[in-house]
Amino acid sequence: MREYKIKRGHNVDIGELASKYFGAKGDIYKGLKFEAEGIGEVSMRQEKNSLIIDIVPPKKICGDYNVIKRWNNFLFEATGKDVKERKKEFGKIE
């Protein structure tokens, strides 16, 4: 399980983004579960200024790298932080 901090002043509808990128529907504050090809079973919820995501990897591995790009684009739009900023943030935690 990972917690992604949302950038201060970055206000977007994460439920709408999940629908746009993965076709997921539901309430992001209560918890949203969906299956994403190449990523696995994703459970996410928003708590104040954080996005909590838990992923159960798929049994069959997908060789399509567009999945990674789509996931990173989703996280960028949802949190307002690019890959470099998110990596730096995780470096502080661990």
PDB file of N, CA and C in Angstrom:
ATOM      1  N   MET A   1       0.849  -1.161   0.000  1.00  0.00           N
ATOM      2  CA  MET A   1       0.000   0.000   0.000  1.00  0.00           C
ATOM      3  C   MET A   1       0.904   1.235   0.000  1.00  0.00           C
ATOM      4  N   ARG A   2       0.535   2.204  -0.836  1.00  0.00           N
ATOM      5  CA  ARG A   2       1.302   3.451  -0.915  1.00  0.00           C
ATOM      6  C   ARG A   2       0.398   4.646  -0.696  1.00  0.00           C
ATOM      7  N   GLU A   3       0.996   5.651  -0.092  1.00  0.00           N
ATOM      8  CA  GLU A   3       0.281   6.897   0.124  1.00  0.00           C
ATOM      9  C   GLU A   3       0.968   7.976  -0.716  1.00  0.00           C
ATOM     10  N   TYR A   4       0.204   8.560  -1.616  1.00  0.00           N
ATOM     11  CA  TYR A   4       0.703   9.632  -2.460  1.00  0.00           C
ATOM     12  C   TYR A   4       0.137  10.946  -1.945  1.00  0.00           C
ATOM     13  N   LYS A   5       1.005  11.854  -1.544  1.00  0.00           N
ATOM     14  CA  LYS A   5       0.570  13.171  -1.081  1.00  0.00           C
ATOM     15  C   LYS A   5       0.152  14.005  -2.295  1.00  0.00           C
ATOM     16  N   ILE A   6      -0.956  14.717  -2.166  1.00  0.00           N
ATOM     17  CA  ILE A   6      -1.443  15.584  -3.235  1.00  0.00           C
ATOM     18  C   ILE A   6      -0.843  16.970  -3.029  1.00  0.00           C
ATOM     19  N   LYS A   7      -0.307  17.510  -4.096  1.00  0.00           N
ATOM     20  CA  LYS A   7       0.351  18.818  -4.049  1.00  0.00           C
ATOM     21  C   LYS A   7      -0.610  19.887  -3.538  1.00  0.00           C
ATOM     22  N   ARG A   8      -0.096  20.760  -2.710  1.00  0.00           N
ATOM     23  CA  ARG A   8      -0.901  21.847  -2.133  1.00  0.00           C
ATOM     24  C   ARG A   8      -1.496  22.707  -3.253  1.00  0.00           C
ATOM     25  N   GLY A   9      -2.797  22.965  -3.161  1.00  0.00           N
ATOM     26  CA  GLY A   9      -3.482  23.786  -4.147  1.00  0.00           C
ATOM     27  C   GLY A   9      -3.919  23.029  -5.392  1.00  0.00           C
ATOM     28  N   HIS A  10      -3.588  21.746  -5.469  1.00  0.00           N
ATOM     29  CA  HIS A  10      -3.970  20.929  -6.628  1.00  0.00           C
ATOM     30  C   HIS A  10      -5.322  20.277  -6.339  1.00  0.00           C
ATOM     31  N   ASN A  11      -6.356  20.785  -6.960  1.00  0.00           N
ATOM     32  CA  ASN A  11      -7.709  20.282  -6.712  1.00  0.00           C
ATOM     33  C   ASN A  11      -8.295  19.708  -7.992  1.00  0.00           C
ATOM     34  N   VAL A  12      -8.378  18.402  -8.048  1.00  0.00           N
ATOM     35  CA  VAL A  12      -9.000  17.719  -9.184  1.00  0.00           C
ATOM     36  C   VAL A  12      -9.935  16.643  -8.654  1.00  0.00           C
ATOM     37  N   ASP A  13     -10.838  16.201  -9.492  1.00  0.00           N
ATOM     38  CA  ASP A  13     -11.745  15.109  -9.147  1.00  0.00           C
ATOM     39  C   ASP A  13     -11.049  13.795  -9.508  1.00  0.00           C
ATOM     40  N   ILE A  14     -10.479  13.130  -8.519  1.00  0.00           N
ATOM     41  CA  ILE A  14      -9.709  11.908  -8.764  1.00  0.00           C
ATOM     42  C   ILE A  14     -10.615  10.782  -9.252  1.00  0.00           C
ATOM     43  N   GLY A  15     -11.854  10.743  -8.789  1.00  0.00           N
ATOM     44  CA  GLY A  15     -12.809   9.745  -9.280  1.00  0.00           C
ATOM     45  C   GLY A  15     -13.041   9.892 -10.771  1.00  0.00           C
ATOM     46  N   GLU A  16     -13.119  11.131 -11.239  1.00  0.00           N
ATOM     47  CA  GLU A  16     -13.300  11.397 -12.665  1.00  0.00           C
ATOM     48  C   GLU A  16     -12.046  10.987 -13.450  1.00  0.00           C
ATOM     49  N   LEU A  17     -10.872  11.225 -12.885  1.00  0.00           N
ATOM     50  CA  LEU A  17      -9.627  10.808 -13.537  1.00  0.00           C
ATOM     51  C   LEU A  17      -9.537   9.284 -13.644  1.00  0.00           C
ATOM     52  N   ALA A  18      -9.949   8.583 -12.590  1.00  0.00           N
ATOM     53  CA  ALA A  18      -9.932   7.116 -12.620  1.00  0.00           C
ATOM     54  C   ALA A  18     -10.882   6.605 -13.694  1.00  0.00           C
ATOM     55  N   SER A  19     -11.995   7.270 -13.861  1.00  0.00           N
ATOM     56  CA  SER A  19     -12.942   6.905 -14.912  1.00  0.00           C
ATOM     57  C   SER A  19     -12.348   7.172 -16.292  1.00  0.00           C
ATOM     58  N   LYS A  20     -11.668   8.302 -16.432  1.00  0.00           N
ATOM     59  CA  LYS A  20     -11.057   8.684 -17.712  1.00  0.00           C
ATOM     60  C   LYS A  20      -9.955   7.697 -18.122  1.00  0.00           C
ATOM     61  N   TYR A  21      -9.078   7.342 -17.194  1.00  0.00           N
ATOM     62  CA  TYR A  21      -7.934   6.493 -17.516  1.00  0.00           C
ATOM     63  C   TYR A  21      -8.242   4.999 -17.488  1.00  0.00           C
ATOM     64  N   PHE A  22      -9.110   4.561 -16.572  1.00  0.00           N
ATOM     65  CA  PHE A  22      -9.314   3.124 -16.375  1.00  0.00           C
ATOM     66  C   PHE A  22     -10.767   2.673 -16.468  1.00  0.00           C
ATOM     67  N   GLY A  23     -11.699   3.585 -16.663  1.00  0.00           N
ATOM     68  CA  GLY A  23     -13.101   3.227 -16.763  1.00  0.00           C
ATOM     69  C   GLY A  23     -13.722   2.843 -15.426  1.00  0.00           C
ATOM     70  N   ALA A  24     -13.103   3.261 -14.322  1.00  0.00           N
ATOM     71  CA  ALA A  24     -13.585   2.918 -12.983  1.00  0.00           C
ATOM     72  C   ALA A  24     -14.663   3.898 -12.542  1.00  0.00           C
ATOM     73  N   LYS A  25     -15.673   3.378 -11.870  1.00  0.00           N
ATOM     74  CA  LYS A  25     -16.766   4.215 -11.382  1.00  0.00           C
ATOM     75  C   LYS A  25     -16.962   3.954  -9.891  1.00  0.00           C
ATOM     76  N   GLY A  26     -17.283   5.007  -9.150  1.00  0.00           N
ATOM     77  CA  GLY A  26     -17.535   4.860  -7.724  1.00  0.00           C
ATOM     78  C   GLY A  26     -17.131   6.105  -6.965  1.00  0.00           C
ATOM     79  N   ASP A  27     -17.210   6.020  -5.651  1.00  0.00           N
ATOM     80  CA  ASP A  27     -16.868   7.136  -4.775  1.00  0.00           C
ATOM     81  C   ASP A  27     -15.442   6.975  -4.284  1.00  0.00           C
ATOM     82  N   ILE A  28     -14.580   7.906  -4.643  1.00  0.00           N
ATOM     83  CA  ILE A  28     -13.162   7.836  -4.282  1.00  0.00           C
ATOM     84  C   ILE A  28     -12.949   7.992  -2.776  1.00  0.00           C
ATOM     85  N   TYR A  29     -13.865   8.635  -2.072  1.00  0.00           N
ATOM     86  CA  TYR A  29     -13.717   8.828  -0.624  1.00  0.00           C
ATOM     87  C   TYR A  29     -14.098   7.578   0.161  1.00  0.00           C
ATOM     88  N   LYS A  30     -15.016   6.776  -0.370  1.00  0.00           N
ATOM     89  CA  LYS A  30     -15.399   5.517   0.280  1.00  0.00           C
ATOM     90  C   LYS A  30     -14.463   4.387  -0.121  1.00  0.00           C
ATOM     91  N   GLY A  31     -13.855   4.511  -1.271  1.00  0.00           N
ATOM     92  CA  GLY A  31     -12.958   3.483  -1.786  1.00  0.00           C
ATOM     93  C   GLY A  31     -13.421   3.035  -3.152  1.00  0.00           C
ATOM     94  N   LEU A  32     -12.482   2.903  -4.035  1.00  0.00           N
ATOM     95  CA  LEU A  32     -12.758   2.570  -5.428  1.00  0.00           C
ATOM     96  C   LEU A  32     -11.923   1.352  -5.787  1.00  0.00           C
ATOM     97  N   LYS A  33     -12.562   0.315  -6.291  1.00  0.00           N
ATOM     98  CA  LYS A  33     -11.852  -0.898  -6.707  1.00  0.00           C
ATOM     99  C   LYS A  33     -12.112  -1.142  -8.169  1.00  0.00           C
ATOM    100  N   PHE A  34     -11.036  -1.494  -8.890  1.00  0.00           N
ATOM    101  CA  PHE A  34     -11.171  -1.817 -10.307  1.00  0.00           C
ATOM    102  C   PHE A  34      -9.984  -2.649 -10.765  1.00  0.00           C
ATOM    103  N   GLU A  35     -10.143  -3.277 -11.898  1.00  0.00           N
ATOM    104  CA  GLU A  35      -9.110  -4.097 -12.516  1.00  0.00           C
ATOM    105  C   GLU A  35      -8.530  -3.298 -13.676  1.00  0.00           C
ATOM    106  N   ALA A  36      -7.211  -3.124 -13.681  1.00  0.00           N
ATOM    107  CA  ALA A  36      -6.542  -2.397 -14.754  1.00  0.00           C
ATOM    108  C   ALA A  36      -5.580  -3.354 -15.453  1.00  0.00           C
ATOM    109  N   GLU A  37      -5.711  -3.461 -16.760  1.00  0.00           N
ATOM    110  CA  GLU A  37      -4.876  -4.375 -17.542  1.00  0.00           C
ATOM    111  C   GLU A  37      -3.402  -4.005 -17.384  1.00  0.00           C
ATOM    112  N   GLY A  38      -2.594  -4.990 -17.040  1.00  0.00           N
ATOM    113  CA  GLY A  38      -1.165  -4.786 -16.876  1.00  0.00           C
ATOM    114  C   GLY A  38      -0.767  -4.264 -15.505  1.00  0.00           C
ATOM    115  N   ILE A  39      -1.714  -3.766 -14.735  1.00  0.00           N
ATOM    116  CA  ILE A  39      -1.419  -3.230 -13.403  1.00  0.00           C
ATOM    117  C   ILE A  39      -1.915  -4.196 -12.335  1.00  0.00           C
ATOM    118  N   GLY A  40      -3.132  -4.691 -12.510  1.00  0.00           N
ATOM    119  CA  GLY A  40      -3.711  -5.634 -11.568  1.00  0.00           C
ATOM    120  C   GLY A  40      -4.972  -5.090 -10.935  1.00  0.00           C
ATOM    121  N   GLU A  41      -5.305  -5.611  -9.760  1.00  0.00           N
ATOM    122  CA  GLU A  41      -6.488  -5.160  -9.027  1.00  0.00           C
ATOM    123  C   GLU A  41      -6.094  -3.960  -8.168  1.00  0.00           C
ATOM    124  N   VAL A  42      -6.705  -2.836  -8.448  1.00  0.00           N
ATOM    125  CA  VAL A  42      -6.356  -1.582  -7.788  1.00  0.00           C
ATOM    126  C   VAL A  42      -7.463  -1.174  -6.819  1.00  0.00           C
ATOM    127  N   SER A  43      -7.063  -0.848  -5.593  1.00  0.00           N
ATOM    128  CA  SER A  43      -7.976  -0.296  -4.591  1.00  0.00           C
ATOM    129  C   SER A  43      -7.422   1.063  -4.208  1.00  0.00           C
ATOM    130  N   MET A  44      -8.240   2.098  -4.332  1.00  0.00           N
ATOM    131  CA  MET A  44      -7.761   3.430  -3.964  1.00  0.00           C
ATOM    132  C   MET A  44      -8.844   4.217  -3.259  1.00  0.00           C
ATOM    133  N   ARG A  45      -8.383   5.108  -2.411  1.00  0.00           N
ATOM    134  CA  ARG A  45      -9.295   6.021  -1.726  1.00  0.00           C
ATOM    135  C   ARG A  45      -8.544   7.314  -1.432  1.00  0.00           C
ATOM    136  N   GLN A  46      -9.303   8.370  -1.319  1.00  0.00           N
ATOM    137  CA  GLN A  46      -8.720   9.669  -1.013  1.00  0.00           C
ATOM    138  C   GLN A  46      -9.036  10.034   0.422  1.00  0.00           C
ATOM    139  N   GLU A  47      -8.023  10.423   1.155  1.00  0.00           N
ATOM    140  CA  GLU A  47      -8.175  10.887   2.540  1.00  0.00           C
ATOM    141  C   GLU A  47      -7.498  12.244   2.653  1.00  0.00           C
ATOM    142  N   LYS A  48      -8.282  13.294   2.783  1.00  0.00           N
ATOM    143  CA  LYS A  48      -7.802  14.672   2.883  1.00  0.00           C
ATOM    144  C   LYS A  48      -6.868  14.984   1.726  1.00  0.00           C
ATOM    145  N   ASN A  49      -5.568  15.135   2.001  1.00  0.00           N
ATOM    146  CA  ASN A  49      -4.605  15.495   0.961  1.00  0.00           C
ATOM    147  C   ASN A  49      -3.732  14.327   0.541  1.00  0.00           C
ATOM    148  N   SER A  50      -4.258  13.114   0.641  1.00  0.00           N
ATOM    149  CA  SER A  50      -3.507  11.926   0.274  1.00  0.00           C
ATOM    150  C   SER A  50      -4.357  10.990  -0.574  1.00  0.00           C
ATOM    151  N   LEU A  51      -3.678  10.280  -1.441  1.00  0.00           N
ATOM    152  CA  LEU A  51      -4.301   9.245  -2.244  1.00  0.00           C
ATOM    153  C   LEU A  51      -3.668   7.927  -1.823  1.00  0.00           C
ATOM    154  N   ILE A  52      -4.462   7.019  -1.267  1.00  0.00           N
ATOM    155  CA  ILE A  52      -3.979   5.736  -0.778  1.00  0.00           C
ATOM    156  C   ILE A  52      -4.296   4.689  -1.843  1.00  0.00           C
ATOM    157  N   ILE A  53      -3.259   3.994  -2.314  1.00  0.00           N
ATOM    158  CA  ILE A  53      -3.441   3.010  -3.378  1.00  0.00           C
ATOM    159  C   ILE A  53      -2.824   1.681  -2.972  1.00  0.00           C
ATOM    160  N   ASP A  54      -3.592   0.620  -3.153  1.00  0.00           N
ATOM    161  CA  ASP A  54      -3.130  -0.745  -2.913  1.00  0.00           C
ATOM    162  C   ASP A  54      -3.327  -1.525  -4.201  1.00  0.00           C
ATOM    163  N   ILE A  55      -2.294  -2.244  -4.637  1.00  0.00           N
ATOM    164  CA  ILE A  55      -2.351  -2.974  -5.906  1.00  0.00           C
ATOM    165  C   ILE A  55      -2.010  -4.438  -5.671  1.00  0.00           C
ATOM    166  N   VAL A  56      -2.846  -5.320  -6.215  1.00  0.00           N
ATOM    167  CA  VAL A  56      -2.559  -6.745  -6.250  1.00  0.00           C
ATOM    168  C   VAL A  56      -2.168  -7.041  -7.700  1.00  0.00           C
ATOM    169  N   PRO A  57      -0.894  -7.402  -7.937  1.00  0.00           N
ATOM    170  CA  PRO A  57      -0.422  -7.585  -9.315  1.00  0.00           C
ATOM    171  C   PRO A  57      -1.172  -8.699 -10.049  1.00  0.00           C
ATOM    172  N   PRO A  58      -1.220  -8.600 -11.379  1.00  0.00           N
ATOM    173  CA  PRO A  58      -1.905  -9.626 -12.165  1.00  0.00           C
ATOM    174  C   PRO A  58      -1.085 -10.917 -12.216  1.00  0.00           C
ATOM    175  N   LYS A  59      -1.764 -12.018 -12.464  1.00  0.00           N
ATOM    176  CA  LYS A  59      -1.077 -13.311 -12.569  1.00  0.00           C
ATOM    177  C   LYS A  59      -0.295 -13.401 -13.883  1.00  0.00           C
ATOM    178  N   LYS A  60      -0.847 -12.788 -14.936  1.00  0.00           N
ATOM    179  CA  LYS A  60      -0.193 -12.794 -16.250  1.00  0.00           C
ATOM    180  C   LYS A  60       0.431 -11.421 -16.487  1.00  0.00           C
ATOM    181  N   ILE A  61       1.714 -11.411 -16.793  1.00  0.00           N
ATOM    182  CA  ILE A  61       2.428 -10.156 -16.990  1.00  0.00           C
ATOM    183  C   ILE A  61       2.206  -9.651 -18.412  1.00  0.00           C
ATOM    184  N   CYS A  62       1.956  -8.349 -18.515  1.00  0.00           N
ATOM    185  CA  CYS A  62       1.719  -7.695 -19.793  1.00  0.00           C
ATOM    186  C   CYS A  62       3.023  -7.039 -20.244  1.00  0.00           C
ATOM    187  N   GLY A  63       3.386  -7.185 -21.497  1.00  0.00           N
ATOM    188  CA  GLY A  63       4.613  -6.614 -22.015  1.00  0.00           C
ATOM    189  C   GLY A  63       4.433  -5.248 -22.636  1.00  0.00           C
ATOM    190  N   ASP A  64       3.268  -4.654 -22.504  1.00  0.00           N
ATOM    191  CA  ASP A  64       2.981  -3.360 -23.105  1.00  0.00           C
ATOM    192  C   ASP A  64       3.403  -2.243 -22.151  1.00  0.00           C
ATOM    193  N   TYR A  65       4.379  -1.440 -22.556  1.00  0.00           N
ATOM    194  CA  TYR A  65       4.889  -0.376 -21.699  1.00  0.00           C
ATOM    195  C   TYR A  65       3.984   0.845 -21.667  1.00  0.00           C
ATOM    196  N   ASN A  66       2.979   0.912 -22.524  1.00  0.00           N
ATOM    197  CA  ASN A  66       2.022   2.014 -22.487  1.00  0.00           C
ATOM    198  C   ASN A  66       1.239   2.021 -21.177  1.00  0.00           C
ATOM    199  N   VAL A  67       1.151   0.860 -20.530  1.00  0.00           N
ATOM    200  CA  VAL A  67       0.469   0.742 -19.244  1.00  0.00           C
ATOM    201  C   VAL A  67       1.171   1.613 -18.208  1.00  0.00           C
ATOM    202  N   ILE A  68       2.496   1.576 -18.195  1.00  0.00           N
ATOM    203  CA  ILE A  68       3.276   2.361 -17.239  1.00  0.00           C
ATOM    204  C   ILE A  68       3.084   3.850 -17.500  1.00  0.00           C
ATOM    205  N   LYS A  69       3.111   4.224 -18.771  1.00  0.00           N
ATOM    206  CA  LYS A  69       2.930   5.620 -19.135  1.00  0.00           C
ATOM    207  C   LYS A  69       1.544   6.114 -18.716  1.00  0.00           C
ATOM    208  N   ARG A  70       0.525   5.296 -18.960  1.00  0.00           N
ATOM    209  CA  ARG A  70      -0.843   5.668 -18.569  1.00  0.00           C
ATOM    210  C   ARG A  70      -0.943   5.815 -17.052  1.00  0.00           C
ATOM    211  N   TRP A  71      -0.334   4.889 -16.288  1.00  0.00           N
ATOM    212  CA  TRP A  71      -0.368   4.942 -14.830  1.00  0.00           C
ATOM    213  C   TRP A  71       0.336   6.208 -14.320  1.00  0.00           C
ATOM    214  N   ASN A  72       1.511   6.515 -14.869  1.00  0.00           N
ATOM    215  CA  ASN A  72       2.242   7.708 -14.450  1.00  0.00           C
ATOM    216  C   ASN A  72       1.495   8.984 -14.810  1.00  0.00           C
ATOM    217  N   ASN A  73       0.837   9.013 -15.967  1.00  0.00           N
ATOM    218  CA  ASN A  73       0.028  10.173 -16.346  1.00  0.00           C
ATOM    219  C   ASN A  73      -1.142  10.359 -15.382  1.00  0.00           C
ATOM    220  N   PHE A  74      -1.768   9.247 -15.004  1.00  0.00           N
ATOM    221  CA  PHE A  74      -2.863   9.306 -14.030  1.00  0.00           C
ATOM    222  C   PHE A  74      -2.364   9.880 -12.699  1.00  0.00           C
ATOM    223  N   LEU A  75      -1.248   9.345 -12.185  1.00  0.00           N
ATOM    224  CA  LEU A  75      -0.718   9.822 -10.905  1.00  0.00           C
ATOM    225  C   LEU A  75      -0.313  11.290 -10.974  1.00  0.00           C
ATOM    226  N   PHE A  76       0.229  11.727 -12.114  1.00  0.00           N
ATOM    227  CA  PHE A  76       0.605  13.128 -12.271  1.00  0.00           C
ATOM    228  C   PHE A  76      -0.620  14.028 -12.205  1.00  0.00           C
ATOM    229  N   GLU A  77      -1.672  13.652 -12.928  1.00  0.00           N
ATOM    230  CA  GLU A  77      -2.893  14.466 -12.910  1.00  0.00           C
ATOM    231  C   GLU A  77      -3.582  14.419 -11.551  1.00  0.00           C
ATOM    232  N   ALA A  78      -3.516  13.275 -10.867  1.00  0.00           N
ATOM    233  CA  ALA A  78      -4.191  13.120  -9.584  1.00  0.00           C
ATOM    234  C   ALA A  78      -3.467  13.848  -8.453  1.00  0.00           C
ATOM    235  N   THR A  79      -2.134  13.803  -8.446  1.00  0.00           N
ATOM    236  CA  THR A  79      -1.373  14.371  -7.332  1.00  0.00           C
ATOM    237  C   THR A  79      -0.721  15.712  -7.654  1.00  0.00           C
ATOM    238  N   GLY A  80      -0.540  16.009  -8.929  1.00  0.00           N
ATOM    239  CA  GLY A  80       0.146  17.236  -9.316  1.00  0.00           C
ATOM    240  C   GLY A  80       1.658  17.107  -9.236  1.00  0.00           C
ATOM    241  N   LYS A  81       2.136  15.892  -9.003  1.00  0.00           N
ATOM    242  CA  LYS A  81       3.582  15.655  -8.879  1.00  0.00           C
ATOM    243  C   LYS A  81       4.031  14.693  -9.977  1.00  0.00           C
ATOM    244  N   ASP A  82       5.181  15.009 -10.583  1.00  0.00           N
ATOM    245  CA  ASP A  82       5.704  14.120 -11.617  1.00  0.00           C
ATOM    246  C   ASP A  82       6.479  12.966 -10.965  1.00  0.00           C
ATOM    247  N   VAL A  83       7.013  12.091 -11.797  1.00  0.00           N
ATOM    248  CA  VAL A  83       7.701  10.893 -11.302  1.00  0.00           C
ATOM    249  C   VAL A  83       8.876  11.266 -10.404  1.00  0.00           C
ATOM    250  N   LYS A  84       9.630  12.260 -10.806  1.00  0.00           N
ATOM    251  CA  LYS A  84      10.809  12.677 -10.037  1.00  0.00           C
ATOM    252  C   LYS A  84      10.414  13.172  -8.642  1.00  0.00           C
ATOM    253  N   GLU A  85       9.351  13.958  -8.562  1.00  0.00           N
ATOM    254  CA  GLU A  85       8.894  14.469  -7.259  1.00  0.00           C
ATOM    255  C   GLU A  85       8.368  13.336  -6.378  1.00  0.00           C
ATOM    256  N   ARG A  86       7.630  12.390  -6.984  1.00  0.00           N
ATOM    257  CA  ARG A  86       7.103  11.266  -6.198  1.00  0.00           C
ATOM    258  C   ARG A  86       8.232  10.380  -5.689  1.00  0.00           C
ATOM    259  N   LYS A  87       9.247  10.156  -6.513  1.00  0.00           N
ATOM    260  CA  LYS A  87      10.386   9.324  -6.104  1.00  0.00           C
ATOM    261  C   LYS A  87      11.133   9.991  -4.949  1.00  0.00           C
ATOM    262  N   LYS A  88      11.329  11.287  -5.039  1.00  0.00           N
ATOM    263  CA  LYS A  88      12.014  12.038  -3.991  1.00  0.00           C
ATOM    264  C   LYS A  88      11.239  11.940  -2.667  1.00  0.00           C
ATOM    265  N   GLU A  89       9.909  12.026  -2.762  1.00  0.00           N
ATOM    266  CA  GLU A  89       9.066  11.933  -1.590  1.00  0.00           C
ATOM    267  C   GLU A  89       9.175  10.560  -0.923  1.00  0.00           C
ATOM    268  N   PHE A  90       9.205   9.489  -1.734  1.00  0.00           N
ATOM    269  CA  PHE A  90       9.337   8.142  -1.171  1.00  0.00           C
ATOM    270  C   PHE A  90      10.713   7.914  -0.582  1.00  0.00           C
ATOM    271  N   GLY A  91      11.712   8.598  -1.115  1.00  0.00           N
ATOM    272  CA  GLY A  91      13.060   8.488  -0.562  1.00  0.00           C
ATOM    273  C   GLY A  91      13.136   9.028   0.855  1.00  0.00           C
ATOM    274  N   LYS A  92      12.333  10.029   1.150  1.00  0.00           N
ATOM    275  CA  LYS A  92      12.302  10.617   2.499  1.00  0.00           C
ATOM    276  C   LYS A  92      11.653   9.676   3.489  1.00  0.00           C
ATOM    277  N   ILE A  93      10.644   8.922   3.034  1.00  0.00           N
ATOM    278  CA  ILE A  93       9.898   8.023   3.928  1.00  0.00           C
ATOM    279  C   ILE A  93      10.714   6.811   4.308  1.00  0.00           C
ATOM    280  N   GLU A  94      11.381   6.214   3.321  1.00  0.00           N
ATOM    281  CA  GLU A  94      12.081   4.944   3.571  1.00  0.00           C
ATOM    282  C   GLU A  94      13.438   5.101   4.161  1.00  0.00           C
TER     283      GLU A  94
END
